[in-house]
Every structure is written in structure tokens, then in C-alpha cells.
Amino acid sequence: MFLHLLNSEQKNLFMNLAIKAAEANGIVELEEKNMLKAYGIEMGIKPVYETDLKTTEIIACLNDICDEKTRKVIVFEIIGIMISDSVYDETEKEFVYNLAESFSVTTEQQDKMYELLIEYSNVFRRISNYILEI
């Protein structure tokens, strides 16, 4: 949704972070793979599905080159991939919490992002059902 705001270096690091997020609970679902592809398309970069980088390295690099707004975009989008398979388990929540804490994004902000993403998903689903119902 907001990934077009990232610069080239941030986009590549974000894609690597999204891979780590998808892998967080040990199961990369089809929906998460589809989100990785969609992220690549949205950012105008080739989608990748594997990374050799460590999560801590990615977060540290992003923290160094991102401002507060960009960090919030990244947390928001990572929550998006986490809920894309309709499961947001404790391992995924811990991943987001650690990321957000590193980026100085509060628990309240994380909760609001999650709430807004659920609301957006529900509205999108209702619109799709209405439009595609012929």
C-alpha cells in the first residue's frame, strides 16, 4: 500500500525482511508467497523468496536509513504479510513486536495498525463480493 514511498535500498531490505516475516512461524503459506510477489510488483523490483541475511542485520540497516514515517510503513506492511493467511500466531506477534520495538513503534501504534488492516481487509472482501457477485 505504501511501499512506493521507500527508496531503492529500503525496498531491497524490506523485501528481505518480508521473507523473514513470512518464515517467522516456520510455515510459509501460499498467501504469504503471494504477498511477497505483490510487494515486489508494488515496489517495481523482482520478487525474491529466499534471503541469506539475518533478521537483526536487516532491521539494523533499515533503522539506520529510515525516518520515523518509513519505519511505520515497514511495520504496517509486515503486519500485513503476517495476517495475509488469516493466522496471526504468537511467533508472528513476537516478530512484529521485536521489529516495532527496534523501530520505536509503540504497542498502541501496532495495535492500531493491526485493527486498520483487519478493517481494510473486511471492506475489501465485502466490495469484492458485491462487485463479483453477478
N, C-alpha and C. Protein backbone atom coordinates (compact mmCIF):
# COMPACT_ATOMS: atom_id res chain seq x y z
N MET A 1 0.80 -1.19 0.00
CA MET A 1 0.00 0.00 0.00
C MET A 1 0.85 1.26 0.00
N PHE A 2 1.91 1.26 0.82
CA PHE A 2 2.74 2.45 0.98
C PHE A 2 4.20 2.21 0.59
N LEU A 3 4.47 1.08 -0.01
CA LEU A 3 5.86 0.72 -0.31
C LEU A 3 6.50 1.59 -1.38
N HIS A 4 5.68 2.29 -2.16
CA HIS A 4 6.22 3.20 -3.17
C HIS A 4 6.98 4.35 -2.53
N LEU A 5 6.79 4.57 -1.22
CA LEU A 5 7.48 5.65 -0.51
C LEU A 5 8.94 5.29 -0.19
N LEU A 6 9.29 4.02 -0.31
CA LEU A 6 10.65 3.59 0.02
C LEU A 6 11.60 3.85 -1.14
N ASN A 7 12.85 4.13 -0.79
CA ASN A 7 13.86 4.27 -1.85
C ASN A 7 14.38 2.88 -2.22
N SER A 8 15.25 2.82 -3.18
CA SER A 8 15.71 1.54 -3.73
C SER A 8 16.35 0.65 -2.66
N GLU A 9 17.24 1.21 -1.86
CA GLU A 9 17.91 0.42 -0.82
C GLU A 9 16.90 -0.07 0.21
N GLN A 10 15.97 0.78 0.60
CA GLN A 10 14.94 0.40 1.57
C GLN A 10 14.04 -0.70 1.01
N LYS A 11 13.72 -0.61 -0.28
CA LYS A 11 12.88 -1.63 -0.91
C LYS A 11 13.54 -3.00 -0.85
N ASN A 12 14.81 -3.06 -1.19
CA ASN A 12 15.52 -4.35 -1.17
C ASN A 12 15.61 -4.91 0.24
N LEU A 13 15.90 -4.05 1.20
CA LEU A 13 15.96 -4.52 2.59
C LEU A 13 14.57 -4.93 3.08
N PHE A 14 13.55 -4.17 2.70
CA PHE A 14 12.19 -4.53 3.10
C PHE A 14 11.83 -5.91 2.55
N MET A 15 12.16 -6.18 1.30
CA MET A 15 11.82 -7.49 0.71
C MET A 15 12.48 -8.61 1.51
N ASN A 16 13.73 -8.41 1.92
CA ASN A 16 14.40 -9.41 2.74
C ASN A 16 13.73 -9.56 4.10
N LEU A 17 13.30 -8.45 4.68
CA LEU A 17 12.59 -8.51 5.96
C LEU A 17 11.25 -9.21 5.80
N ALA A 18 10.56 -8.97 4.71
CA ALA A 18 9.27 -9.62 4.47
C ALA A 18 9.44 -11.13 4.35
N ILE A 19 10.54 -11.57 3.75
CA ILE A 19 10.83 -13.01 3.68
C ILE A 19 10.97 -13.57 5.08
N LYS A 20 11.75 -12.88 5.91
CA LYS A 20 11.95 -13.33 7.30
C LYS A 20 10.62 -13.34 8.06
N ALA A 21 9.77 -12.35 7.80
CA ALA A 21 8.46 -12.31 8.45
C ALA A 21 7.62 -13.51 8.02
N ALA A 22 7.62 -13.81 6.73
CA ALA A 22 6.84 -14.95 6.22
C ALA A 22 7.33 -16.26 6.83
N GLU A 23 8.62 -16.34 7.10
CA GLU A 23 9.22 -17.55 7.66
C GLU A 23 9.13 -17.61 9.19
N ALA A 24 8.65 -16.57 9.82
CA ALA A 24 8.72 -16.43 11.28
C ALA A 24 8.14 -17.61 12.05
N ASN A 25 7.01 -18.13 11.59
CA ASN A 25 6.40 -19.25 12.32
C ASN A 25 6.76 -20.61 11.74
N GLY A 26 7.73 -20.62 10.84
CA GLY A 26 8.20 -21.88 10.28
C GLY A 26 7.39 -22.41 9.11
N ILE A 27 6.30 -21.71 8.77
CA ILE A 27 5.43 -22.15 7.68
C ILE A 27 5.18 -20.96 6.77
N VAL A 28 5.61 -21.07 5.51
CA VAL A 28 5.33 -20.01 4.54
C VAL A 28 4.13 -20.45 3.71
N GLU A 29 2.99 -19.85 4.01
CA GLU A 29 1.74 -20.20 3.35
C GLU A 29 1.68 -19.57 1.96
N LEU A 30 0.82 -20.10 1.11
CA LEU A 30 0.63 -19.58 -0.24
C LEU A 30 0.29 -18.09 -0.21
N GLU A 31 -0.57 -17.69 0.72
CA GLU A 31 -0.95 -16.28 0.84
C GLU A 31 0.25 -15.39 1.11
N GLU A 32 1.18 -15.89 1.91
CA GLU A 32 2.39 -15.12 2.21
C GLU A 32 3.30 -15.04 0.98
N LYS A 33 3.39 -16.13 0.23
CA LYS A 33 4.16 -16.09 -1.02
C LYS A 33 3.54 -15.11 -2.00
N ASN A 34 2.20 -15.09 -2.05
CA ASN A 34 1.51 -14.14 -2.91
C ASN A 34 1.78 -12.71 -2.48
N MET A 35 1.85 -12.48 -1.17
CA MET A 35 2.16 -11.14 -0.67
C MET A 35 3.58 -10.73 -1.06
N LEU A 36 4.53 -11.65 -0.99
CA LEU A 36 5.90 -11.34 -1.40
C LEU A 36 5.93 -10.92 -2.87
N LYS A 37 5.19 -11.66 -3.69
CA LYS A 37 5.10 -11.32 -5.10
C LYS A 37 4.46 -9.94 -5.28
N ALA A 38 3.38 -9.69 -4.57
CA ALA A 38 2.69 -8.40 -4.66
C ALA A 38 3.59 -7.26 -4.19
N TYR A 39 4.35 -7.49 -3.13
CA TYR A 39 5.29 -6.47 -2.66
C TYR A 39 6.30 -6.13 -3.74
N GLY A 40 6.86 -7.14 -4.39
CA GLY A 40 7.82 -6.91 -5.46
C GLY A 40 7.21 -6.09 -6.59
N ILE A 41 6.01 -6.47 -6.99
CA ILE A 41 5.31 -5.74 -8.06
C ILE A 41 5.07 -4.29 -7.64
N GLU A 42 4.56 -4.09 -6.42
CA GLU A 42 4.27 -2.75 -5.93
C GLU A 42 5.52 -1.88 -5.89
N MET A 43 6.66 -2.48 -5.54
CA MET A 43 7.90 -1.71 -5.43
C MET A 43 8.66 -1.63 -6.74
N GLY A 44 8.20 -2.36 -7.76
CA GLY A 44 8.89 -2.34 -9.04
C GLY A 44 10.23 -3.06 -9.00
N ILE A 45 10.31 -4.09 -8.14
CA ILE A 45 11.53 -4.89 -8.06
C ILE A 45 11.16 -6.36 -8.24
N LYS A 46 12.16 -7.16 -8.56
CA LYS A 46 11.91 -8.59 -8.73
C LYS A 46 11.61 -9.22 -7.37
N PRO A 47 10.48 -9.91 -7.27
CA PRO A 47 10.17 -10.59 -6.00
C PRO A 47 11.21 -11.67 -5.72
N VAL A 48 11.60 -11.77 -4.47
CA VAL A 48 12.50 -12.84 -4.06
C VAL A 48 11.83 -13.59 -2.91
N TYR A 49 12.22 -14.82 -2.76
CA TYR A 49 11.54 -15.68 -1.79
C TYR A 49 12.52 -16.32 -0.80
N GLU A 50 13.80 -15.99 -0.93
CA GLU A 50 14.83 -16.51 -0.02
C GLU A 50 15.83 -15.40 0.26
N THR A 51 16.42 -15.45 1.46
CA THR A 51 17.46 -14.50 1.81
C THR A 51 18.47 -15.16 2.73
N ASP A 52 19.71 -14.75 2.59
CA ASP A 52 20.77 -15.23 3.48
C ASP A 52 21.04 -14.24 4.61
N LEU A 53 20.42 -13.07 4.54
CA LEU A 53 20.62 -12.06 5.57
C LEU A 53 19.94 -12.46 6.87
N LYS A 54 20.50 -12.01 7.98
CA LYS A 54 19.89 -12.26 9.29
C LYS A 54 18.89 -11.14 9.60
N THR A 55 17.84 -11.50 10.28
CA THR A 55 16.80 -10.53 10.61
C THR A 55 17.38 -9.33 11.35
N THR A 56 18.26 -9.58 12.30
CA THR A 56 18.84 -8.48 13.08
C THR A 56 19.65 -7.53 12.20
N GLU A 57 20.34 -8.07 11.20
CA GLU A 57 21.11 -7.23 10.28
C GLU A 57 20.19 -6.36 9.43
N ILE A 58 19.11 -6.96 8.95
CA ILE A 58 18.16 -6.23 8.11
C ILE A 58 17.55 -5.08 8.91
N ILE A 59 17.11 -5.38 10.13
CA ILE A 59 16.47 -4.37 10.97
C ILE A 59 17.46 -3.25 11.29
N ALA A 60 18.69 -3.60 11.60
CA ALA A 60 19.70 -2.58 11.92
C ALA A 60 19.94 -1.67 10.72
N CYS A 61 20.06 -2.25 9.54
CA CYS A 61 20.27 -1.45 8.33
C CYS A 61 19.09 -0.53 8.07
N LEU A 62 17.88 -1.07 8.17
CA LEU A 62 16.69 -0.26 7.95
C LEU A 62 16.59 0.86 8.98
N ASN A 63 16.91 0.54 10.21
CA ASN A 63 16.85 1.54 11.27
C ASN A 63 17.79 2.71 10.97
N ASP A 64 18.94 2.41 10.39
CA ASP A 64 19.94 3.43 10.08
C ASP A 64 19.51 4.35 8.93
N ILE A 65 18.74 3.80 7.99
CA ILE A 65 18.45 4.58 6.76
C ILE A 65 17.00 5.04 6.64
N CYS A 66 16.19 4.78 7.66
CA CYS A 66 14.77 5.14 7.59
C CYS A 66 14.42 6.20 8.62
N ASP A 67 13.50 7.07 8.23
CA ASP A 67 12.97 8.02 9.19
C ASP A 67 11.75 7.38 9.89
N GLU A 68 11.15 8.12 10.81
CA GLU A 68 10.04 7.58 11.60
C GLU A 68 8.88 7.13 10.72
N LYS A 69 8.52 7.94 9.73
CA LYS A 69 7.40 7.60 8.85
C LYS A 69 7.68 6.30 8.09
N THR A 70 8.88 6.15 7.58
CA THR A 70 9.23 4.96 6.82
C THR A 70 9.24 3.73 7.71
N ARG A 71 9.69 3.88 8.94
CA ARG A 71 9.66 2.75 9.88
C ARG A 71 8.22 2.31 10.14
N LYS A 72 7.31 3.27 10.28
CA LYS A 72 5.90 2.93 10.49
C LYS A 72 5.33 2.22 9.26
N VAL A 73 5.70 2.66 8.07
CA VAL A 73 5.26 1.98 6.84
C VAL A 73 5.73 0.53 6.86
N ILE A 74 6.97 0.31 7.23
CA ILE A 74 7.53 -1.04 7.23
C ILE A 74 6.80 -1.93 8.23
N VAL A 75 6.58 -1.43 9.44
CA VAL A 75 5.85 -2.23 10.44
C VAL A 75 4.44 -2.54 9.94
N PHE A 76 3.77 -1.55 9.38
CA PHE A 76 2.41 -1.73 8.85
C PHE A 76 2.39 -2.83 7.79
N GLU A 77 3.30 -2.76 6.84
CA GLU A 77 3.34 -3.74 5.76
C GLU A 77 3.72 -5.13 6.26
N ILE A 78 4.59 -5.20 7.25
CA ILE A 78 4.96 -6.50 7.81
C ILE A 78 3.77 -7.12 8.55
N ILE A 79 3.00 -6.33 9.26
CA ILE A 79 1.78 -6.85 9.87
C ILE A 79 0.87 -7.39 8.76
N GLY A 80 0.83 -6.69 7.63
CA GLY A 80 0.02 -7.12 6.50
C GLY A 80 0.37 -8.52 6.02
N ILE A 81 1.66 -8.80 5.88
CA ILE A 81 2.03 -10.16 5.43
C ILE A 81 1.74 -11.19 6.51
N MET A 82 1.88 -10.78 7.77
CA MET A 82 1.63 -11.71 8.86
C MET A 82 0.17 -12.16 8.91
N ILE A 83 -0.75 -11.27 8.59
CA ILE A 83 -2.17 -11.63 8.68
C ILE A 83 -2.74 -12.11 7.36
N SER A 84 -1.92 -12.13 6.31
CA SER A 84 -2.43 -12.49 4.98
C SER A 84 -2.98 -13.90 4.90
N ASP A 85 -2.51 -14.79 5.77
CA ASP A 85 -3.01 -16.17 5.76
C ASP A 85 -4.11 -16.38 6.81
N SER A 86 -4.63 -15.28 7.35
CA SER A 86 -5.69 -15.31 8.36
C SER A 86 -5.27 -15.93 9.68
N VAL A 87 -3.97 -16.08 9.88
CA VAL A 87 -3.44 -16.59 11.14
C VAL A 87 -2.38 -15.60 11.61
N TYR A 88 -2.51 -15.17 12.85
CA TYR A 88 -1.53 -14.25 13.45
C TYR A 88 -1.14 -14.85 14.79
N ASP A 89 -0.22 -15.82 14.73
CA ASP A 89 0.11 -16.58 15.92
C ASP A 89 1.13 -15.85 16.79
N GLU A 90 1.44 -16.44 17.94
CA GLU A 90 2.32 -15.81 18.92
C GLU A 90 3.72 -15.55 18.36
N THR A 91 4.23 -16.46 17.55
CA THR A 91 5.56 -16.28 16.96
C THR A 91 5.57 -15.08 16.03
N GLU A 92 4.52 -14.93 15.25
CA GLU A 92 4.41 -13.78 14.34
C GLU A 92 4.26 -12.48 15.12
N LYS A 93 3.45 -12.52 16.17
CA LYS A 93 3.27 -11.33 17.01
C LYS A 93 4.59 -10.92 17.65
N GLU A 94 5.37 -11.89 18.09
CA GLU A 94 6.67 -11.61 18.69
C GLU A 94 7.62 -10.99 17.67
N PHE A 95 7.59 -11.49 16.43
CA PHE A 95 8.41 -10.93 15.36
C PHE A 95 8.06 -9.46 15.16
N VAL A 96 6.76 -9.17 15.07
CA VAL A 96 6.31 -7.79 14.87
C VAL A 96 6.67 -6.93 16.07
N TYR A 97 6.46 -7.47 17.27
CA TYR A 97 6.79 -6.71 18.48
C TYR A 97 8.27 -6.33 18.51
N ASN A 98 9.15 -7.29 18.21
CA ASN A 98 10.58 -7.02 18.21
C ASN A 98 10.97 -6.00 17.14
N LEU A 99 10.38 -6.13 15.96
CA LEU A 99 10.62 -5.17 14.89
C LEU A 99 10.17 -3.78 15.32
N ALA A 100 8.94 -3.69 15.80
CA ALA A 100 8.38 -2.40 16.21
C ALA A 100 9.19 -1.78 17.34
N GLU A 101 9.60 -2.59 18.29
CA GLU A 101 10.40 -2.08 19.39
C GLU A 101 11.73 -1.51 18.87
N SER A 102 12.35 -2.20 17.94
CA SER A 102 13.60 -1.71 17.33
C SER A 102 13.39 -0.40 16.59
N PHE A 103 12.19 -0.21 16.05
CA PHE A 103 11.85 0.99 15.27
C PHE A 103 11.16 2.07 16.10
N SER A 104 11.05 1.85 17.41
CA SER A 104 10.38 2.80 18.32
C SER A 104 8.91 3.02 17.95
N VAL A 105 8.26 1.97 17.50
CA VAL A 105 6.83 1.99 17.23
C VAL A 105 6.16 1.36 18.45
N THR A 106 5.25 2.10 19.07
CA THR A 106 4.64 1.66 20.32
C THR A 106 3.67 0.49 20.11
N THR A 107 3.37 -0.17 21.20
CA THR A 107 2.38 -1.25 21.17
C THR A 107 1.03 -0.70 20.73
N GLU A 108 0.69 0.48 21.18
CA GLU A 108 -0.58 1.11 20.80
C GLU A 108 -0.62 1.34 19.28
N GLN A 109 0.48 1.80 18.72
CA GLN A 109 0.55 2.02 17.27
C GLN A 109 0.44 0.70 16.52
N GLN A 110 1.09 -0.34 17.02
CA GLN A 110 0.99 -1.67 16.40
C GLN A 110 -0.45 -2.16 16.42
N ASP A 111 -1.10 -2.01 17.57
CA ASP A 111 -2.49 -2.46 17.69
C ASP A 111 -3.39 -1.71 16.72
N LYS A 112 -3.17 -0.41 16.57
CA LYS A 112 -3.98 0.39 15.65
C LYS A 112 -3.74 -0.06 14.20
N MET A 113 -2.49 -0.31 13.85
CA MET A 113 -2.18 -0.80 12.51
C MET A 113 -2.88 -2.12 12.23
N TYR A 114 -2.82 -3.03 13.19
CA TYR A 114 -3.48 -4.33 13.05
C TYR A 114 -4.99 -4.13 12.86
N GLU A 115 -5.57 -3.31 13.71
CA GLU A 115 -7.01 -3.03 13.63
C GLU A 115 -7.39 -2.45 12.27
N LEU A 116 -6.61 -1.50 11.77
CA LEU A 116 -6.91 -0.89 10.48
C LEU A 116 -6.75 -1.88 9.33
N LEU A 117 -5.75 -2.75 9.41
CA LEU A 117 -5.57 -3.76 8.37
C LEU A 117 -6.73 -4.75 8.35
N ILE A 118 -7.20 -5.15 9.50
CA ILE A 118 -8.36 -6.05 9.56
C ILE A 118 -9.58 -5.36 8.98
N GLU A 119 -9.78 -4.12 9.35
CA GLU A 119 -10.91 -3.35 8.82
C GLU A 119 -10.80 -3.20 7.30
N TYR A 120 -9.62 -2.88 6.81
CA TYR A 120 -9.39 -2.74 5.37
C TYR A 120 -9.68 -4.07 4.65
N SER A 121 -9.18 -5.16 5.21
CA SER A 121 -9.41 -6.48 4.61
C SER A 121 -10.89 -6.81 4.54
N ASN A 122 -11.61 -6.50 5.60
CA ASN A 122 -13.04 -6.78 5.62
C ASN A 122 -13.79 -5.95 4.59
N VAL A 123 -13.45 -4.67 4.47
CA VAL A 123 -14.10 -3.81 3.48
C VAL A 123 -13.76 -4.29 2.07
N PHE A 124 -12.49 -4.61 1.82
CA PHE A 124 -12.08 -5.10 0.51
C PHE A 124 -12.84 -6.37 0.15
N ARG A 125 -12.97 -7.27 1.11
CA ARG A 125 -13.69 -8.54 0.88
C ARG A 125 -15.15 -8.26 0.55
N ARG A 126 -15.79 -7.35 1.28
CA ARG A 126 -17.19 -7.01 1.02
C ARG A 126 -17.36 -6.38 -0.36
N ILE A 127 -16.46 -5.49 -0.73
CA ILE A 127 -16.53 -4.88 -2.06
C ILE A 127 -16.35 -5.93 -3.15
N SER A 128 -15.36 -6.80 -2.97
CA SER A 128 -15.11 -7.86 -3.95
C SER A 128 -16.33 -8.76 -4.10
N ASN A 129 -16.90 -9.14 -2.97
CA ASN A 129 -18.09 -10.00 -3.01
C ASN A 129 -19.24 -9.30 -3.72
N TYR A 130 -19.42 -8.03 -3.48
CA TYR A 130 -20.51 -7.28 -4.11
C TYR A 130 -20.28 -7.13 -5.61
N ILE A 131 -19.10 -6.71 -5.99
CA ILE A 131 -18.79 -6.45 -7.40
C ILE A 131 -18.77 -7.76 -8.21
N LEU A 132 -18.20 -8.79 -7.64
CA LEU A 132 -18.06 -10.06 -8.37
C LEU A 132 -19.30 -10.94 -8.31
N GLU A 133 -20.25 -10.54 -7.48
CA GLU A 133 -21.50 -11.29 -7.38
C GLU A 133 -22.40 -10.86 -8.54
N ILE A 134 -22.51 -11.72 -9.51
CA ILE A 134 -23.28 -11.37 -10.73
C ILE A 134 -24.47 -12.28 -10.87
